[in-house]
Amino acid sequence: MKNLIFIALFTLSQVSFAQGISLEDAREVKIVNMEYSEASGKGVIRIAECESCKYELYNFTSKLEVKKNGSVNTIEKLLKEYWTTKIAVIFTTPGTNDLLRISYR
């Protein structure tokens, strides 16, 4: 009986700990400016109209996953279209300004 209670408590505690771990943060933002260097493979996005954002600038590399309307897109197309985009959703590593992916319409 003691083993059964211990197993139940252990299982429940693992579930509650797992709920507190986040692999990425998502925020809706308006992109003000975007720069990218193909030579270095690095870029930066300046955002506005985001009350929950800790940073004004977000860094990314050529590994940035870009999606437009749910379909895979390229950084180069985003560079041409960001200024007409009303809202974008950025996904960052928790607690940092490192972009993992971006989705826009």
C-alpha atoms as a PDB file:
ATOM      1  CA  MET A   1       0.000   0.000   0.000  1.00  0.00           C
ATOM      2  CA  LYS A   2       2.845   2.398   0.845  1.00  0.00           C
ATOM      3  CA  ASN A   3       4.436   1.706  -2.523  1.00  0.00           C
ATOM      4  CA  LEU A   4       1.182   2.471  -4.318  1.00  0.00           C
ATOM      5  CA  ILE A   5       0.820   5.828  -2.551  1.00  0.00           C
ATOM      6  CA  PHE A   6       4.475   6.668  -3.257  1.00  0.00           C
ATOM      7  CA  ILE A   7       4.062   5.836  -6.965  1.00  0.00           C
ATOM      8  CA  ALA A   8       0.892   7.945  -7.185  1.00  0.00           C
ATOM      9  CA  LEU A   9       2.538  10.958  -5.490  1.00  0.00           C
ATOM     10  CA  PHE A  10       5.678  10.622  -7.605  1.00  0.00           C
ATOM     11  CA  THR A  11       3.659  10.479 -10.827  1.00  0.00           C
ATOM     12  CA  LEU A  12       1.553  13.503  -9.891  1.00  0.00           C
ATOM     13  CA  SER A  13       4.600  15.549  -8.932  1.00  0.00           C
ATOM     14  CA  GLN A  14       6.246  14.808 -12.304  1.00  0.00           C
ATOM     15  CA  VAL A  15       3.177  16.085 -14.143  1.00  0.00           C
ATOM     16  CA  SER A  16       3.110  19.342 -12.162  1.00  0.00           C
ATOM     17  CA  PHE A  17       6.851  19.943 -12.698  1.00  0.00           C
ATOM     18  CA  ALA A  18       6.522  19.334 -16.440  1.00  0.00           C
ATOM     19  CA  GLN A  19       3.758  21.923 -16.748  1.00  0.00           C
ATOM     20  CA  GLY A  20       6.119  24.645 -15.482  1.00  0.00           C
ATOM     21  CA  ILE A  21       8.759  24.047 -18.173  1.00  0.00           C
ATOM     22  CA  SER A  22       8.462  26.053 -21.383  1.00  0.00           C
ATOM     23  CA  LEU A  23      10.570  25.384 -24.466  1.00  0.00           C
ATOM     24  CA  GLU A  24       9.625  28.650 -26.164  1.00  0.00           C
ATOM     25  CA  ASP A  25       7.684  31.857 -25.558  1.00  0.00           C
ATOM     26  CA  ALA A  26       5.236  33.241 -28.131  1.00  0.00           C
ATOM     27  CA  ARG A  27       4.265  36.895 -28.524  1.00  0.00           C
ATOM     28  CA  GLU A  28       2.263  38.904 -31.033  1.00  0.00           C
ATOM     29  CA  VAL A  29       4.292  41.862 -32.257  1.00  0.00           C
ATOM     30  CA  LYS A  30       4.438  44.548 -34.903  1.00  0.00           C
ATOM     31  CA  ILE A  31       7.736  44.475 -36.812  1.00  0.00           C
ATOM     32  CA  VAL A  32       9.174  47.971 -37.245  1.00  0.00           C
ATOM     33  CA  ASN A  33      12.495  47.130 -38.835  1.00  0.00           C
ATOM     34  CA  MET A  34      14.385  44.038 -39.935  1.00  0.00           C
ATOM     35  CA  GLU A  35      17.999  43.585 -40.984  1.00  0.00           C
ATOM     36  CA  TYR A  36      19.797  40.450 -42.146  1.00  0.00           C
ATOM     37  CA  SER A  37      23.340  39.760 -43.353  1.00  0.00           C
ATOM     38  CA  GLU A  38      23.758  36.744 -45.609  1.00  0.00           C
ATOM     39  CA  ALA A  39      27.520  36.888 -45.054  1.00  0.00           C
ATOM     40  CA  SER A  40      27.265  36.343 -41.297  1.00  0.00           C
ATOM     41  CA  GLY A  41      23.921  34.521 -41.361  1.00  0.00           C
ATOM     42  CA  LYS A  42      22.674  36.763 -38.548  1.00  0.00           C
ATOM     43  CA  GLY A  43      19.922  39.323 -38.292  1.00  0.00           C
ATOM     44  CA  VAL A  44      17.871  41.469 -35.968  1.00  0.00           C
ATOM     45  CA  ILE A  45      14.194  42.427 -35.747  1.00  0.00           C
ATOM     46  CA  ARG A  46      13.060  45.639 -34.044  1.00  0.00           C
ATOM     47  CA  ILE A  47       9.527  45.381 -32.688  1.00  0.00           C
ATOM     48  CA  ALA A  48       6.836  47.674 -31.335  1.00  0.00           C
ATOM     49  CA  GLU A  49       3.387  47.403 -29.769  1.00  0.00           C
ATOM     50  CA  CYS A  50       4.283  44.531 -27.469  1.00  0.00           C
ATOM     51  CA  GLU A  51       3.541  45.111 -23.788  1.00  0.00           C
ATOM     52  CA  SER A  52       4.750  41.657 -22.713  1.00  0.00           C
ATOM     53  CA  CYS A  53       8.110  41.874 -24.517  1.00  0.00           C
ATOM     54  CA  LYS A  54      11.253  42.383 -22.464  1.00  0.00           C
ATOM     55  CA  TYR A  55      13.339  43.458 -25.449  1.00  0.00           C
ATOM     56  CA  GLU A  56      12.980  45.865 -28.362  1.00  0.00           C
ATOM     57  CA  LEU A  57      15.491  43.956 -30.519  1.00  0.00           C
ATOM     58  CA  TYR A  58      15.383  40.228 -31.221  1.00  0.00           C
ATOM     59  CA  ASN A  59      18.313  38.345 -32.778  1.00  0.00           C
ATOM     60  CA  PHE A  60      18.109  35.492 -35.252  1.00  0.00           C
ATOM     61  CA  THR A  61      20.335  33.356 -37.434  1.00  0.00           C
ATOM     62  CA  SER A  62      19.911  31.751 -40.834  1.00  0.00           C
ATOM     63  CA  LYS A  63      18.300  28.816 -38.987  1.00  0.00           C
ATOM     64  CA  LEU A  64      15.220  30.963 -38.257  1.00  0.00           C
ATOM     65  CA  GLU A  65      12.058  29.090 -39.195  1.00  0.00           C
ATOM     66  CA  VAL A  66       9.739  31.426 -41.128  1.00  0.00           C
ATOM     67  CA  LYS A  67       6.080  30.694 -41.869  1.00  0.00           C
ATOM     68  CA  LYS A  68       3.558  32.763 -43.797  1.00  0.00           C
ATOM     69  CA  ASN A  69      -0.061  31.673 -43.435  1.00  0.00           C
ATOM     70  CA  GLY A  70       1.166  28.333 -42.079  1.00  0.00           C
ATOM     71  CA  SER A  71       3.414  27.574 -45.066  1.00  0.00           C
ATOM     72  CA  VAL A  72       7.197  27.492 -44.913  1.00  0.00           C
ATOM     73  CA  ASN A  73       8.755  30.713 -46.196  1.00  0.00           C
ATOM     74  CA  THR A  74      12.256  32.183 -46.470  1.00  0.00           C
ATOM     75  CA  ILE A  75      14.008  34.957 -44.575  1.00  0.00           C
ATOM     76  CA  GLU A  76      14.494  36.777 -47.892  1.00  0.00           C
ATOM     77  CA  LYS A  77      10.725  36.892 -48.545  1.00  0.00           C
ATOM     78  CA  LEU A  78      10.077  38.055 -44.993  1.00  0.00           C
ATOM     79  CA  LEU A  79      12.603  40.874 -45.548  1.00  0.00           C
ATOM     80  CA  LYS A  80      10.525  42.062 -48.513  1.00  0.00           C
ATOM     81  CA  GLU A  81       7.127  41.653 -46.835  1.00  0.00           C
ATOM     82  CA  TYR A  82       7.607  42.548 -43.144  1.00  0.00           C
ATOM     83  CA  TRP A  83       6.662  46.199 -43.581  1.00  0.00           C
ATOM     84  CA  THR A  84       3.204  45.259 -44.908  1.00  0.00           C
ATOM     85  CA  THR A  85       2.621  42.702 -42.149  1.00  0.00           C
ATOM     86  CA  LYS A  86       0.151  43.917 -39.531  1.00  0.00           C
ATOM     87  CA  ILE A  87       0.933  41.361 -36.823  1.00  0.00           C
ATOM     88  CA  ALA A  88       3.575  38.657 -36.507  1.00  0.00           C
ATOM     89  CA  VAL A  89       4.017  36.002 -33.854  1.00  0.00           C
ATOM     90  CA  ILE A  90       7.565  35.525 -32.642  1.00  0.00           C
ATOM     91  CA  PHE A  91       8.749  32.453 -30.777  1.00  0.00           C
ATOM     92  CA  THR A  92      11.775  32.934 -28.542  1.00  0.00           C
ATOM     93  CA  THR A  93      13.900  30.936 -26.170  1.00  0.00           C
ATOM     94  CA  PRO A  94      12.456  31.717 -22.706  1.00  0.00           C
ATOM     95  CA  GLY A  95      14.156  34.652 -21.006  1.00  0.00           C
ATOM     96  CA  THR A  96      16.246  35.647 -24.033  1.00  0.00           C
ATOM     97  CA  ASN A  97      15.921  37.746 -27.169  1.00  0.00           C
ATOM     98  CA  ASP A  98      16.891  34.839 -29.449  1.00  0.00           C
ATOM     99  CA  LEU A  99      14.266  34.099 -32.102  1.00  0.00           C
ATOM    100  CA  LEU A 100      13.493  30.472 -32.904  1.00  0.00           C
ATOM    101  CA  ARG A 101      10.715  31.035 -35.427  1.00  0.00           C
ATOM    102  CA  ILE A 102       8.342  33.641 -36.727  1.00  0.00           C
ATOM    103  CA  SER A 103       4.873  33.341 -38.210  1.00  0.00           C
ATOM    104  CA  TYR A 104       3.031  36.076 -40.094  1.00  0.00           C
ATOM    105  CA  ARG A 105       0.160  36.743 -42.504  1.00  0.00           C
END
